[in-house]
Amino acid sequence: MGLLIGIIRRRQLSMMKSNLQWKLHLITAAIATASKAATNLMQVGTDYESDDLISKKLQQRQYKLKLLEEKLTNQKAEIETRLQEITAELQSNQGMIDQGVQTMFSYKVG
């Protein structure tokens, strides 16, 4: 029975790992986009005087993009930690499966 549970759990962990890897990819792309947008706003902002209303709005947007970038970076770190946990659990699970296979197919004569 342990072998069957191990196989089912391995499948679940593999699916979770795949989903987290996809989320990590999306977050990395979003961080790059936010960083590029913030850089572009900085370049556009130099065309206006610092007292100008447009300049202030650009600074606010730039600040919001920086906050978004920090939030995404934190999420990325959380996902990377979770991926490490899942990888460790997959290794442990593989040991359980191997032990189950060994137990099922070992014959004791005597």
PDB file of N, CA and C in Angstrom:
ATOM      1  N   MET A   1       0.822  -1.204   0.000  1.00  0.00           N
ATOM      2  CA  MET A   1       0.000   0.000   0.000  1.00  0.00           C
ATOM      3  C   MET A   1       0.863   1.263   0.000  1.00  0.00           C
ATOM      4  N   GLY A   2       2.019   1.203   0.686  1.00  0.00           N
ATOM      5  CA  GLY A   2       2.910   2.355   0.730  1.00  0.00           C
ATOM      6  C   GLY A   2       3.439   2.721  -0.645  1.00  0.00           C
ATOM      7  N   LEU A   3       3.619   1.705  -1.483  1.00  0.00           N
ATOM      8  CA  LEU A   3       4.107   1.947  -2.834  1.00  0.00           C
ATOM      9  C   LEU A   3       3.089   2.744  -3.639  1.00  0.00           C
ATOM     10  N   LEU A   4       1.836   2.369  -3.559  1.00  0.00           N
ATOM     11  CA  LEU A   4       0.781   3.070  -4.295  1.00  0.00           C
ATOM     12  C   LEU A   4       0.649   4.514  -3.816  1.00  0.00           C
ATOM     13  N   ILE A   5       0.678   4.714  -2.521  1.00  0.00           N
ATOM     14  CA  ILE A   5       0.592   6.071  -1.970  1.00  0.00           C
ATOM     15  C   ILE A   5       1.791   6.895  -2.414  1.00  0.00           C
ATOM     16  N   GLY A   6       2.966   6.272  -2.417  1.00  0.00           N
ATOM     17  CA  GLY A   6       4.176   6.966  -2.854  1.00  0.00           C
ATOM     18  C   GLY A   6       4.098   7.401  -4.304  1.00  0.00           C
ATOM     19  N   ILE A   7       3.566   6.541  -5.150  1.00  0.00           N
ATOM     20  CA  ILE A   7       3.438   6.873  -6.577  1.00  0.00           C
ATOM     21  C   ILE A   7       2.441   8.011  -6.780  1.00  0.00           C
ATOM     22  N   ILE A   8       1.319   7.953  -6.071  1.00  0.00           N
ATOM     23  CA  ILE A   8       0.316   9.022  -6.180  1.00  0.00           C
ATOM     24  C   ILE A   8       0.892  10.343  -5.685  1.00  0.00           C
ATOM     25  N   ARG A   9       1.593  10.289  -4.558  1.00  0.00           N
ATOM     26  CA  ARG A   9       2.182  11.515  -4.000  1.00  0.00           C
ATOM     27  C   ARG A   9       3.261  12.079  -4.928  1.00  0.00           C
ATOM     28  N   ARG A  10       4.036  11.210  -5.553  1.00  0.00           N
ATOM     29  CA  ARG A  10       5.058  11.677  -6.496  1.00  0.00           C
ATOM     30  C   ARG A  10       4.407  12.421  -7.655  1.00  0.00           C
ATOM     31  N   ARG A  11       3.297  11.915  -8.128  1.00  0.00           N
ATOM     32  CA  ARG A  11       2.579  12.575  -9.229  1.00  0.00           C
ATOM     33  C   ARG A  11       2.083  13.954  -8.784  1.00  0.00           C
ATOM     34  N   GLN A  12       1.513  14.026  -7.584  1.00  0.00           N
ATOM     35  CA  GLN A  12       1.044  15.314  -7.061  1.00  0.00           C
ATOM     36  C   GLN A  12       2.193  16.303  -6.919  1.00  0.00           C
ATOM     37  N   LEU A  13       3.303  15.844  -6.366  1.00  0.00           N
ATOM     38  CA  LEU A  13       4.456  16.719  -6.185  1.00  0.00           C
ATOM     39  C   LEU A  13       5.020  17.192  -7.521  1.00  0.00           C
ATOM     40  N   SER A  14       5.029  16.304  -8.502  1.00  0.00           N
ATOM     41  CA  SER A  14       5.519  16.690  -9.829  1.00  0.00           C
ATOM     42  C   SER A  14       4.631  17.762 -10.449  1.00  0.00           C
ATOM     43  N   MET A  15       3.327  17.624 -10.275  1.00  0.00           N
ATOM     44  CA  MET A  15       2.403  18.632 -10.799  1.00  0.00           C
ATOM     45  C   MET A  15       2.586  19.962 -10.073  1.00  0.00           C
ATOM     46  N   MET A  16       2.741  19.908  -8.751  1.00  0.00           N
ATOM     47  CA  MET A  16       2.956  21.129  -7.977  1.00  0.00           C
ATOM     48  C   MET A  16       4.256  21.811  -8.398  1.00  0.00           C
ATOM     49  N   LYS A  17       5.287  21.020  -8.609  1.00  0.00           N
ATOM     50  CA  LYS A  17       6.581  21.567  -9.024  1.00  0.00           C
ATOM     51  C   LYS A  17       6.469  22.234 -10.387  1.00  0.00           C
ATOM     52  N   SER A  18       5.766  21.589 -11.295  1.00  0.00           N
ATOM     53  CA  SER A  18       5.575  22.152 -12.634  1.00  0.00           C
ATOM     54  C   SER A  18       4.811  23.473 -12.571  1.00  0.00           C
ATOM     55  N   ASN A  19       3.756  23.520 -11.772  1.00  0.00           N
ATOM     56  CA  ASN A  19       2.977  24.756 -11.622  1.00  0.00           C
ATOM     57  C   ASN A  19       3.818  25.879 -11.030  1.00  0.00           C
ATOM     58  N   LEU A  20       4.608  25.560 -10.022  1.00  0.00           N
ATOM     59  CA  LEU A  20       5.451  26.580  -9.402  1.00  0.00           C
ATOM     60  C   LEU A  20       6.537  27.070 -10.359  1.00  0.00           C
ATOM     61  N   GLN A  21       7.072  26.164 -11.165  1.00  0.00           N
ATOM     62  CA  GLN A  21       8.072  26.583 -12.149  1.00  0.00           C
ATOM     63  C   GLN A  21       7.452  27.532 -13.170  1.00  0.00           C
ATOM     64  N   TRP A  22       6.214  27.263 -13.561  1.00  0.00           N
ATOM     65  CA  TRP A  22       5.527  28.147 -14.503  1.00  0.00           C
ATOM     66  C   TRP A  22       5.285  29.521 -13.870  1.00  0.00           C
ATOM     67  N   LYS A  23       4.831  29.530 -12.612  1.00  0.00           N
ATOM     68  CA  LYS A  23       4.619  30.799 -11.909  1.00  0.00           C
ATOM     69  C   LYS A  23       5.925  31.570 -11.779  1.00  0.00           C
ATOM     70  N   LEU A  24       7.006  30.859 -11.508  1.00  0.00           N
ATOM     71  CA  LEU A  24       8.317  31.496 -11.392  1.00  0.00           C
ATOM     72  C   LEU A  24       8.716  32.144 -12.715  1.00  0.00           C
ATOM     73  N   HIS A  25       8.429  31.461 -13.805  1.00  0.00           N
ATOM     74  CA  HIS A  25       8.712  32.017 -15.134  1.00  0.00           C
ATOM     75  C   HIS A  25       7.898  33.292 -15.369  1.00  0.00           C
ATOM     76  N   LEU A  26       6.618  33.254 -15.035  1.00  0.00           N
ATOM     77  CA  LEU A  26       5.760  34.425 -15.226  1.00  0.00           C
ATOM     78  C   LEU A  26       6.209  35.597 -14.354  1.00  0.00           C
ATOM     79  N   ILE A  27       6.576  35.317 -13.125  1.00  0.00           N
ATOM     80  CA  ILE A  27       7.024  36.381 -12.222  1.00  0.00           C
ATOM     81  C   ILE A  27       8.325  36.991 -12.715  1.00  0.00           C
ATOM     82  N   THR A  28       9.229  36.162 -13.204  1.00  0.00           N
ATOM     83  CA  THR A  28      10.492  36.675 -13.735  1.00  0.00           C
ATOM     84  C   THR A  28      10.238  37.592 -14.924  1.00  0.00           C
ATOM     85  N   ALA A  29       9.318  37.198 -15.795  1.00  0.00           N
ATOM     86  CA  ALA A  29       8.971  38.046 -16.942  1.00  0.00           C
ATOM     87  C   ALA A  29       8.320  39.350 -16.475  1.00  0.00           C
ATOM     88  N   ALA A  30       7.462  39.275 -15.467  1.00  0.00           N
ATOM     89  CA  ALA A  30       6.800  40.478 -14.952  1.00  0.00           C
ATOM     90  C   ALA A  30       7.805  41.423 -14.296  1.00  0.00           C
ATOM     91  N   ILE A  31       8.783  40.870 -13.597  1.00  0.00           N
ATOM     92  CA  ILE A  31       9.822  41.709 -12.983  1.00  0.00           C
ATOM     93  C   ILE A  31      10.603  42.443 -14.064  1.00  0.00           C
ATOM     94  N   ALA A  32      10.951  41.733 -15.121  1.00  0.00           N
ATOM     95  CA  ALA A  32      11.700  42.362 -16.215  1.00  0.00           C
ATOM     96  C   ALA A  32      10.881  43.470 -16.864  1.00  0.00           C
ATOM     97  N   THR A  33       9.595  43.227 -17.062  1.00  0.00           N
ATOM     98  CA  THR A  33       8.720  44.232 -17.666  1.00  0.00           C
ATOM     99  C   THR A  33       8.586  45.457 -16.766  1.00  0.00           C
ATOM    100  N   ALA A  34       8.383  45.237 -15.475  1.00  0.00           N
ATOM    101  CA  ALA A  34       8.249  46.361 -14.536  1.00  0.00           C
ATOM    102  C   ALA A  34       9.541  47.168 -14.459  1.00  0.00           C
ATOM    103  N   SER A  35      10.651  46.482 -14.453  1.00  0.00           N
ATOM    104  CA  SER A  35      11.945  47.168 -14.396  1.00  0.00           C
ATOM    105  C   SER A  35      12.175  48.007 -15.648  1.00  0.00           C
ATOM    106  N   LYS A  36      11.829  47.440 -16.788  1.00  0.00           N
ATOM    107  CA  LYS A  36      11.985  48.169 -18.054  1.00  0.00           C
ATOM    108  C   LYS A  36      11.060  49.385 -18.091  1.00  0.00           C
ATOM    109  N   ALA A  37       9.829  49.219 -17.629  1.00  0.00           N
ATOM    110  CA  ALA A  37       8.873  50.331 -17.618  1.00  0.00           C
ATOM    111  C   ALA A  37       9.347  51.442 -16.680  1.00  0.00           C
ATOM    112  N   ALA A  38       9.890  51.070 -15.527  1.00  0.00           N
ATOM    113  CA  ALA A  38      10.398  52.079 -14.588  1.00  0.00           C
ATOM    114  C   ALA A  38      11.572  52.837 -15.197  1.00  0.00           C
ATOM    115  N   THR A  39      12.428  52.130 -15.891  1.00  0.00           N
ATOM    116  CA  THR A  39      13.564  52.775 -16.556  1.00  0.00           C
ATOM    117  C   THR A  39      13.088  53.726 -17.644  1.00  0.00           C
ATOM    118  N   ASN A  40      12.100  53.294 -18.404  1.00  0.00           N
ATOM    119  CA  ASN A  40      11.550  54.156 -19.458  1.00  0.00           C
ATOM    120  C   ASN A  40      10.912  55.411 -18.869  1.00  0.00           C
ATOM    121  N   LEU A  41      10.221  55.264 -17.741  1.00  0.00           N
ATOM    122  CA  LEU A  41       9.613  56.431 -17.095  1.00  0.00           C
ATOM    123  C   LEU A  41      10.681  57.402 -16.603  1.00  0.00           C
ATOM    124  N   MET A  42      11.790  56.874 -16.136  1.00  0.00           N
ATOM    125  CA  MET A  42      12.876  57.752 -15.695  1.00  0.00           C
ATOM    126  C   MET A  42      13.424  58.561 -16.871  1.00  0.00           C
ATOM    127  N   GLN A  43      13.539  57.914 -18.019  1.00  0.00           N
ATOM    128  CA  GLN A  43      14.058  58.607 -19.196  1.00  0.00           C
ATOM    129  C   GLN A  43      13.083  59.663 -19.687  1.00  0.00           C
ATOM    130  N   VAL A  44      11.794  59.335 -19.675  1.00  0.00           N
ATOM    131  CA  VAL A  44      10.777  60.295 -20.111  1.00  0.00           C
ATOM    132  C   VAL A  44      10.681  61.441 -19.114  1.00  0.00           C
ATOM    133  N   GLY A  45      10.825  61.129 -17.829  1.00  0.00           N
ATOM    134  CA  GLY A  45      10.706  62.145 -16.787  1.00  0.00           C
ATOM    135  C   GLY A  45      11.767  63.222 -16.859  1.00  0.00           C
ATOM    136  N   THR A  46      12.880  62.939 -17.470  1.00  0.00           N
ATOM    137  CA  THR A  46      13.939  63.951 -17.571  1.00  0.00           C
ATOM    138  C   THR A  46      13.580  65.050 -18.562  1.00  0.00           C
ATOM    139  N   ASP A  47      12.590  64.820 -19.403  1.00  0.00           N
ATOM    140  CA  ASP A  47      12.173  65.823 -20.386  1.00  0.00           C
ATOM    141  C   ASP A  47      11.331  66.930 -19.757  1.00  0.00           C
ATOM    142  N   TYR A  48      10.793  66.692 -18.571  1.00  0.00           N
ATOM    143  CA  TYR A  48       9.912  67.656 -17.915  1.00  0.00           C
ATOM    144  C   TYR A  48      10.612  68.279 -16.711  1.00  0.00           C
ATOM    145  N   GLU A  49      10.146  69.448 -16.334  1.00  0.00           N
ATOM    146  CA  GLU A  49      10.672  70.089 -15.129  1.00  0.00           C
ATOM    147  C   GLU A  49      10.133  69.363 -13.899  1.00  0.00           C
ATOM    148  N   SER A  50      10.881  69.406 -12.818  1.00  0.00           N
ATOM    149  CA  SER A  50      10.504  68.644 -11.623  1.00  0.00           C
ATOM    150  C   SER A  50       9.227  69.160 -10.964  1.00  0.00           C
ATOM    151  N   ASP A  51       8.849  70.419 -11.208  1.00  0.00           N
ATOM    152  CA  ASP A  51       7.631  70.978 -10.618  1.00  0.00           C
ATOM    153  C   ASP A  51       6.387  70.656 -11.437  1.00  0.00           C
ATOM    154  N   ASP A  52       6.567  70.202 -12.629  1.00  0.00           N
ATOM    155  CA  ASP A  52       5.467  69.958 -13.557  1.00  0.00           C
ATOM    156  C   ASP A  52       4.576  68.819 -13.041  1.00  0.00           C
ATOM    157  N   LEU A  53       3.269  68.931 -13.292  1.00  0.00           N
ATOM    158  CA  LEU A  53       2.298  67.923 -12.859  1.00  0.00           C
ATOM    159  C   LEU A  53       2.583  66.574 -13.519  1.00  0.00           C
ATOM    160  N   ILE A  54       2.927  66.596 -14.776  1.00  0.00           N
ATOM    161  CA  ILE A  54       3.224  65.351 -15.495  1.00  0.00           C
ATOM    162  C   ILE A  54       4.436  64.664 -14.872  1.00  0.00           C
ATOM    163  N   SER A  55       5.423  65.449 -14.514  1.00  0.00           N
ATOM    164  CA  SER A  55       6.624  64.893 -13.885  1.00  0.00           C
ATOM    165  C   SER A  55       6.281  64.221 -12.561  1.00  0.00           C
ATOM    166  N   LYS A  56       5.406  64.839 -11.788  1.00  0.00           N
ATOM    167  CA  LYS A  56       5.005  64.256 -10.503  1.00  0.00           C
ATOM    168  C   LYS A  56       4.235  62.951 -10.706  1.00  0.00           C
ATOM    169  N   LYS A  57       3.370  62.922 -11.722  1.00  0.00           N
ATOM    170  CA  LYS A  57       2.626  61.696 -12.012  1.00  0.00           C
ATOM    171  C   LYS A  57       3.573  60.584 -12.462  1.00  0.00           C
ATOM    172  N   LEU A  58       4.557  60.953 -13.260  1.00  0.00           N
ATOM    173  CA  LEU A  58       5.538  59.961 -13.702  1.00  0.00           C
ATOM    174  C   LEU A  58       6.336  59.413 -12.517  1.00  0.00           C
ATOM    175  N   GLN A  59       6.663  60.285 -11.576  1.00  0.00           N
ATOM    176  CA  GLN A  59       7.385  59.838 -10.386  1.00  0.00           C
ATOM    177  C   GLN A  59       6.525  58.894  -9.542  1.00  0.00           C
ATOM    178  N   GLN A  60       5.224  59.204  -9.443  1.00  0.00           N
ATOM    179  CA  GLN A  60       4.317  58.327  -8.703  1.00  0.00           C
ATOM    180  C   GLN A  60       4.224  56.961  -9.377  1.00  0.00           C
ATOM    181  N   ARG A  61       4.107  56.958 -10.685  1.00  0.00           N
ATOM    182  CA  ARG A  61       4.028  55.691 -11.415  1.00  0.00           C
ATOM    183  C   ARG A  61       5.323  54.896 -11.277  1.00  0.00           C
ATOM    184  N   GLN A  62       6.426  55.619 -11.329  1.00  0.00           N
ATOM    185  CA  GLN A  62       7.716  54.958 -11.162  1.00  0.00           C
ATOM    186  C   GLN A  62       7.812  54.327  -9.771  1.00  0.00           C
ATOM    187  N   TYR A  63       7.355  55.034  -8.757  1.00  0.00           N
ATOM    188  CA  TYR A  63       7.370  54.511  -7.393  1.00  0.00           C
ATOM    189  C   TYR A  63       6.486  53.260  -7.285  1.00  0.00           C
ATOM    190  N   LYS A  64       5.310  53.309  -7.899  1.00  0.00           N
ATOM    191  CA  LYS A  64       4.413  52.154  -7.877  1.00  0.00           C
ATOM    192  C   LYS A  64       5.037  50.959  -8.590  1.00  0.00           C
ATOM    193  N   LEU A  65       5.736  51.233  -9.683  1.00  0.00           N
ATOM    194  CA  LEU A  65       6.407  50.142 -10.395  1.00  0.00           C
ATOM    195  C   LEU A  65       7.529  49.538  -9.549  1.00  0.00           C
ATOM    196  N   LYS A  66       8.238  50.365  -8.823  1.00  0.00           N
ATOM    197  CA  LYS A  66       9.290  49.859  -7.935  1.00  0.00           C
ATOM    198  C   LYS A  66       8.687  48.994  -6.825  1.00  0.00           C
ATOM    199  N   LEU A  67       7.543  49.433  -6.275  1.00  0.00           N
ATOM    200  CA  LEU A  67       6.867  48.630  -5.250  1.00  0.00           C
ATOM    201  C   LEU A  67       6.411  47.290  -5.821  1.00  0.00           C
ATOM    202  N   LEU A  68       5.878  47.335  -7.034  1.00  0.00           N
ATOM    203  CA  LEU A  68       5.451  46.107  -7.699  1.00  0.00           C
ATOM    204  C   LEU A  68       6.643  45.179  -7.915  1.00  0.00           C
ATOM    205  N   GLU A  69       7.747  45.753  -8.332  1.00  0.00           N
ATOM    206  CA  GLU A  69       8.953  44.958  -8.561  1.00  0.00           C
ATOM    207  C   GLU A  69       9.425  44.291  -7.260  1.00  0.00           C
ATOM    208  N   GLU A  70       9.377  45.020  -6.154  1.00  0.00           N
ATOM    209  CA  GLU A  70       9.757  44.448  -4.860  1.00  0.00           C
ATOM    210  C   GLU A  70       8.803  43.328  -4.446  1.00  0.00           C
ATOM    211  N   LYS A  71       7.513  43.559  -4.659  1.00  0.00           N
ATOM    212  CA  LYS A  71       6.513  42.548  -4.315  1.00  0.00           C
ATOM    213  C   LYS A  71       6.741  41.278  -5.132  1.00  0.00           C
ATOM    214  N   LEU A  72       6.995  41.447  -6.416  1.00  0.00           N
ATOM    215  CA  LEU A  72       7.244  40.294  -7.277  1.00  0.00           C
ATOM    216  C   LEU A  72       8.531  39.568  -6.886  1.00  0.00           C
ATOM    217  N   THR A  73       9.531  40.320  -6.492  1.00  0.00           N
ATOM    218  CA  THR A  73      10.785  39.706  -6.055  1.00  0.00           C
ATOM    219  C   THR A  73      10.566  38.872  -4.795  1.00  0.00           C
ATOM    220  N   ASN A  74       9.742  39.375  -3.883  1.00  0.00           N
ATOM    221  CA  ASN A  74       9.414  38.610  -2.672  1.00  0.00           C
ATOM    222  C   ASN A  74       8.650  37.335  -3.020  1.00  0.00           C
ATOM    223  N   GLN A  75       7.698  37.442  -3.945  1.00  0.00           N
ATOM    224  CA  GLN A  75       6.950  36.263  -4.375  1.00  0.00           C
ATOM    225  C   GLN A  75       7.879  35.246  -5.032  1.00  0.00           C
ATOM    226  N   LYS A  76       8.814  35.748  -5.809  1.00  0.00           N
ATOM    227  CA  LYS A  76       9.773  34.863  -6.476  1.00  0.00           C
ATOM    228  C   LYS A  76      10.594  34.097  -5.442  1.00  0.00           C
ATOM    229  N   ALA A  77      11.032  34.784  -4.405  1.00  0.00           N
ATOM    230  CA  ALA A  77      11.813  34.132  -3.347  1.00  0.00           C
ATOM    231  C   ALA A  77      10.982  33.063  -2.635  1.00  0.00           C
ATOM    232  N   GLU A  78       9.709  33.363  -2.374  1.00  0.00           N
ATOM    233  CA  GLU A  78       8.825  32.387  -1.729  1.00  0.00           C
ATOM    234  C   GLU A  78       8.648  31.153  -2.605  1.00  0.00           C
ATOM    235  N   ILE A  79       8.461  31.369  -3.890  1.00  0.00           N
ATOM    236  CA  ILE A  79       8.270  30.245  -4.807  1.00  0.00           C
ATOM    237  C   ILE A  79       9.543  29.416  -4.908  1.00  0.00           C
ATOM    238  N   GLU A  80      10.695  30.074  -4.948  1.00  0.00           N
ATOM    239  CA  GLU A  80      11.954  29.328  -5.008  1.00  0.00           C
ATOM    240  C   GLU A  80      12.145  28.475  -3.756  1.00  0.00           C
ATOM    241  N   THR A  81      11.758  29.011  -2.605  1.00  0.00           N
ATOM    242  CA  THR A  81      11.842  28.243  -1.360  1.00  0.00           C
ATOM    243  C   THR A  81      10.906  27.044  -1.416  1.00  0.00           C
ATOM    244  N   ARG A  82       9.708  27.277  -1.886  1.00  0.00           N
ATOM    245  CA  ARG A  82       8.724  26.185  -1.996  1.00  0.00           C
ATOM    246  C   ARG A  82       9.202  25.119  -2.981  1.00  0.00           C
ATOM    247  N   LEU A  83       9.837  25.541  -4.074  1.00  0.00           N
ATOM    248  CA  LEU A  83      10.380  24.579  -5.036  1.00  0.00           C
ATOM    249  C   LEU A  83      11.465  23.712  -4.394  1.00  0.00           C
ATOM    250  N   GLN A  84      12.292  24.310  -3.567  1.00  0.00           N
ATOM    251  CA  GLN A  84      13.322  23.536  -2.869  1.00  0.00           C
ATOM    252  C   GLN A  84      12.685  22.521  -1.923  1.00  0.00           C
ATOM    253  N   GLU A  85      11.623  22.932  -1.246  1.00  0.00           N
ATOM    254  CA  GLU A  85      10.920  22.021  -0.338  1.00  0.00           C
ATOM    255  C   GLU A  85      10.316  20.854  -1.109  1.00  0.00           C
ATOM    256  N   ILE A  86       9.715  21.152  -2.239  1.00  0.00           N
ATOM    257  CA  ILE A  86       9.090  20.103  -3.048  1.00  0.00           C
ATOM    258  C   ILE A  86      10.148  19.154  -3.591  1.00  0.00           C
ATOM    259  N   THR A  87      11.283  19.688  -4.011  1.00  0.00           N
ATOM    260  CA  THR A  87      12.364  18.841  -4.512  1.00  0.00           C
ATOM    261  C   THR A  87      12.852  17.895  -3.420  1.00  0.00           C
ATOM    262  N   ALA A  88      13.000  18.406  -2.210  1.00  0.00           N
ATOM    263  CA  ALA A  88      13.417  17.557  -1.088  1.00  0.00           C
ATOM    264  C   ALA A  88      12.365  16.491  -0.798  1.00  0.00           C
ATOM    265  N   GLU A  89      11.099  16.875  -0.850  1.00  0.00           N
ATOM    266  CA  GLU A  89      10.028  15.906  -0.602  1.00  0.00           C
ATOM    267  C   GLU A  89       9.968  14.859  -1.711  1.00  0.00           C
ATOM    268  N   LEU A  90      10.237  15.274  -2.943  1.00  0.00           N
ATOM    269  CA  LEU A  90      10.282  14.312  -4.051  1.00  0.00           C
ATOM    270  C   LEU A  90      11.391  13.281  -3.834  1.00  0.00           C
ATOM    271  N   GLN A  91      12.536  13.724  -3.363  1.00  0.00           N
ATOM    272  CA  GLN A  91      13.635  12.795  -3.099  1.00  0.00           C
ATOM    273  C   GLN A  91      13.264  11.824  -1.986  1.00  0.00           C
ATOM    274  N   SER A  92      12.637  12.331  -0.946  1.00  0.00           N
ATOM    275  CA  SER A  92      12.197  11.480   0.155  1.00  0.00           C
ATOM    276  C   SER A  92      11.150  10.482  -0.327  1.00  0.00           C
ATOM    277  N   ASN A  93      10.243  10.966  -1.141  1.00  0.00           N
ATOM    278  CA  ASN A  93       9.184  10.127  -1.690  1.00  0.00           C
ATOM    279  C   ASN A  93       9.773   9.033  -2.574  1.00  0.00           C
ATOM    280  N   GLN A  94      10.794   9.365  -3.341  1.00  0.00           N
ATOM    281  CA  GLN A  94      11.424   8.366  -4.204  1.00  0.00           C
ATOM    282  C   GLN A  94      12.047   7.260  -3.357  1.00  0.00           C
ATOM    283  N   GLY A  95      12.617   7.634  -2.221  1.00  0.00           N
ATOM    284  CA  GLY A  95      13.153   6.628  -1.303  1.00  0.00           C
ATOM    285  C   GLY A  95      12.063   5.707  -0.788  1.00  0.00           C
ATOM    286  N   MET A  96      10.886   6.272  -0.495  1.00  0.00           N
ATOM    287  CA  MET A  96       9.760   5.470  -0.035  1.00  0.00           C
ATOM    288  C   MET A  96       9.300   4.507  -1.136  1.00  0.00           C
ATOM    289  N   ILE A  97       9.265   4.993  -2.360  1.00  0.00           N
ATOM    290  CA  ILE A  97       8.859   4.143  -3.487  1.00  0.00           C
ATOM    291  C   ILE A  97       9.873   3.023  -3.687  1.00  0.00           C
ATOM    292  N   ASP A  98      11.151   3.370  -3.662  1.00  0.00           N
ATOM    293  CA  ASP A  98      12.193   2.355  -3.835  1.00  0.00           C
ATOM    294  C   ASP A  98      12.113   1.290  -2.752  1.00  0.00           C
ATOM    295  N   GLN A  99      11.862   1.714  -1.530  1.00  0.00           N
ATOM    296  CA  GLN A  99      11.743   0.771  -0.424  1.00  0.00           C
ATOM    297  C   GLN A  99      10.514  -0.121  -0.620  1.00  0.00           C
ATOM    298  N   GLY A 100       9.423   0.460  -1.102  1.00  0.00           N
ATOM    299  CA  GLY A 100       8.218  -0.325  -1.361  1.00  0.00           C
ATOM    300  C   GLY A 100       8.433  -1.360  -2.445  1.00  0.00           C
ATOM    301  N   VAL A 101       9.138  -0.981  -3.502  1.00  0.00           N
ATOM    302  CA  VAL A 101       9.438  -1.924  -4.587  1.00  0.00           C
ATOM    303  C   VAL A 101      10.337  -3.037  -4.066  1.00  0.00           C
ATOM    304  N   GLN A 102      11.338  -2.677  -3.297  1.00  0.00           N
ATOM    305  CA  GLN A 102      12.257  -3.670  -2.754  1.00  0.00           C
ATOM    306  C   GLN A 102      11.520  -4.645  -1.837  1.00  0.00           C
ATOM    307  N   THR A 103      10.611  -4.130  -1.036  1.00  0.00           N
ATOM    308  CA  THR A 103       9.845  -4.984  -0.129  1.00  0.00           C
ATOM    309  C   THR A 103       8.923  -5.918  -0.902  1.00  0.00           C
ATOM    310  N   MET A 104       8.299  -5.405  -1.954  1.00  0.00           N
ATOM    311  CA  MET A 104       7.366  -6.226  -2.732  1.00  0.00           C
ATOM    312  C   MET A 104       8.068  -7.362  -3.455  1.00  0.00           C
ATOM    313  N   PHE A 105       9.270  -7.116  -3.921  1.00  0.00           N
ATOM    314  CA  PHE A 105       9.923  -8.099  -4.772  1.00  0.00           C
ATOM    315  C   PHE A 105      11.076  -8.833  -4.090  1.00  0.00           C
ATOM    316  N   SER A 106      11.144  -8.741  -2.797  1.00  0.00           N
ATOM    317  CA  SER A 106      12.175  -9.513  -2.100  1.00  0.00           C
ATOM    318  C   SER A 106      11.532 -10.792  -1.564  1.00  0.00           C
ATOM    319  N   TYR A 107      12.176 -11.883  -1.849  1.00  0.00           N
ATOM    320  CA  TYR A 107      11.664 -13.178  -1.418  1.00  0.00           C
ATOM    321  C   TYR A 107      12.597 -13.735  -0.360  1.00  0.00           C
ATOM    322  N   LYS A 108      11.999 -14.195   0.685  1.00  0.00           N
ATOM    323  CA  LYS A 108      12.794 -14.786   1.755  1.00  0.00           C
ATOM    324  C   LYS A 108      12.525 -16.286   1.778  1.00  0.00           C
ATOM    325  N   VAL A 109      13.565 -17.009   1.596  1.00  0.00           N
ATOM    326  CA  VAL A 109      13.455 -18.461   1.618  1.00  0.00           C
ATOM    327  C   VAL A 109      13.953 -18.938   2.977  1.00  0.00           C
ATOM    328  N   GLY A 110      13.181 -19.768   3.575  1.00  0.00           N
ATOM    329  CA  GLY A 110      13.737 -20.312   4.783  1.00  0.00           C
ATOM    330  C   GLY A 110      12.823 -20.472   5.852  1.00  0.00           C
TER     331      GLY A 110
END
